[in-house]
Amino acid sequence: MGLLALSDPVGLLSVAGQGGAGSGPRLRRLSRSAVLTYGTVLLVTCWWGPGLLGLFGISLVICTMAMGLFLFLLLTPRLRQ
């Protein structure tokens, strides 16, 4: 669920929509490829993510804490401005 929240699918709809309407074939192909890649990664992460993490001995709690720390460190310089 965190990957879905961070990737902002609603905000990306306009980008994907622009790739198909009135654009050249290269941009349409690129847009289609990006949407399919995003969807595939999201589905694979949802289905096999916890099992793959368990294979390496990583719990979901640790991943949640690491993502929170990463976002904190990413946003801290912006808060100081």
Protein backbone atom coordinates (compact mmCIF):
# COMPACT_ATOMS: atom_id res chain seq x y z
CA MET A 1 0.00 0.00 0.00
CA GLY A 2 2.91 2.33 0.64
CA LEU A 3 4.15 1.98 -2.92
CA LEU A 4 0.73 2.97 -4.19
CA ALA A 5 0.64 6.03 -1.93
CA LEU A 6 4.13 7.18 -2.90
CA SER A 7 3.62 6.74 -6.62
CA ASP A 8 0.48 8.95 -6.77
CA PRO A 9 -1.54 7.08 -9.43
CA VAL A 10 -4.25 9.77 -9.56
CA GLY A 11 -1.67 12.46 -10.32
CA LEU A 12 -0.10 10.28 -13.00
CA LEU A 13 -3.38 9.80 -14.87
CA SER A 14 -3.05 13.13 -16.63
CA VAL A 15 0.48 12.26 -17.77
CA ALA A 16 -0.65 8.88 -19.08
CA GLY A 17 -3.67 10.49 -20.75
CA GLN A 18 -1.53 13.05 -22.55
CA GLY A 19 0.60 10.27 -23.95
CA GLY A 20 -2.30 8.86 -25.94
CA ALA A 21 -4.28 11.86 -27.11
CA GLY A 22 -2.99 13.67 -30.17
CA SER A 23 0.65 12.73 -29.58
CA GLY A 24 3.15 11.16 -31.86
CA PRO A 25 3.54 7.39 -32.03
CA ARG A 26 6.83 7.51 -30.10
CA LEU A 27 5.23 9.27 -27.13
CA ARG A 28 2.24 6.92 -27.19
CA ARG A 29 4.56 3.91 -27.18
CA LEU A 30 6.59 5.37 -24.33
CA SER A 31 3.46 6.18 -22.33
CA ARG A 32 2.04 2.69 -22.84
CA SER A 33 5.34 1.15 -21.79
CA ALA A 34 5.50 3.30 -18.64
CA VAL A 35 1.92 2.42 -17.62
CA LEU A 36 2.47 -1.30 -18.19
CA THR A 37 5.76 -1.26 -16.28
CA TYR A 38 4.18 0.63 -13.37
CA GLY A 39 1.23 -1.77 -13.23
CA THR A 40 3.44 -4.84 -13.42
CA VAL A 41 5.76 -3.65 -10.66
CA LEU A 42 2.79 -2.74 -8.46
CA LEU A 43 1.11 -6.14 -8.94
CA VAL A 44 4.32 -8.12 -8.43
CA THR A 45 5.05 -6.14 -5.27
CA CYS A 46 1.56 -6.76 -3.91
CA TRP A 47 1.56 -10.48 -4.67
CA TRP A 48 5.11 -11.58 -3.99
CA GLY A 49 6.60 -8.73 -1.97
CA PRO A 50 6.01 -10.09 1.55
CA GLY A 51 7.22 -13.57 0.56
CA LEU A 52 10.36 -12.16 -1.04
CA LEU A 53 11.08 -10.05 2.04
CA GLY A 54 10.55 -13.09 4.26
CA LEU A 55 13.01 -15.03 2.14
CA PHE A 56 15.69 -12.51 3.10
CA GLY A 57 14.54 -12.31 6.72
CA ILE A 58 13.14 -8.78 6.47
CA SER A 59 9.82 -8.02 8.18
CA LEU A 60 7.22 -5.55 6.96
CA VAL A 61 7.66 -3.56 10.18
CA ILE A 62 11.33 -2.97 9.36
CA CYS A 63 10.42 -1.88 5.82
CA THR A 64 7.84 0.55 7.19
CA MET A 65 10.34 2.05 9.61
CA ALA A 66 13.00 2.33 6.91
CA MET A 67 10.58 4.07 4.54
CA GLY A 68 9.54 6.49 7.26
CA LEU A 69 13.17 7.31 8.02
CA PHE A 70 13.92 7.73 4.33
CA LEU A 71 11.00 10.12 3.82
CA PHE A 72 11.96 12.06 6.95
CA LEU A 73 15.52 12.50 5.71
CA LEU A 74 14.26 13.42 2.25
CA LEU A 75 11.86 16.08 3.52
CA THR A 76 13.93 17.54 6.37
CA PRO A 77 15.96 19.97 4.21
CA ARG A 78 12.75 21.31 2.70
CA LEU A 79 11.25 21.99 6.12
CA ARG A 80 14.19 24.21 7.07
CA GLN A 81 13.67 26.58 4.13
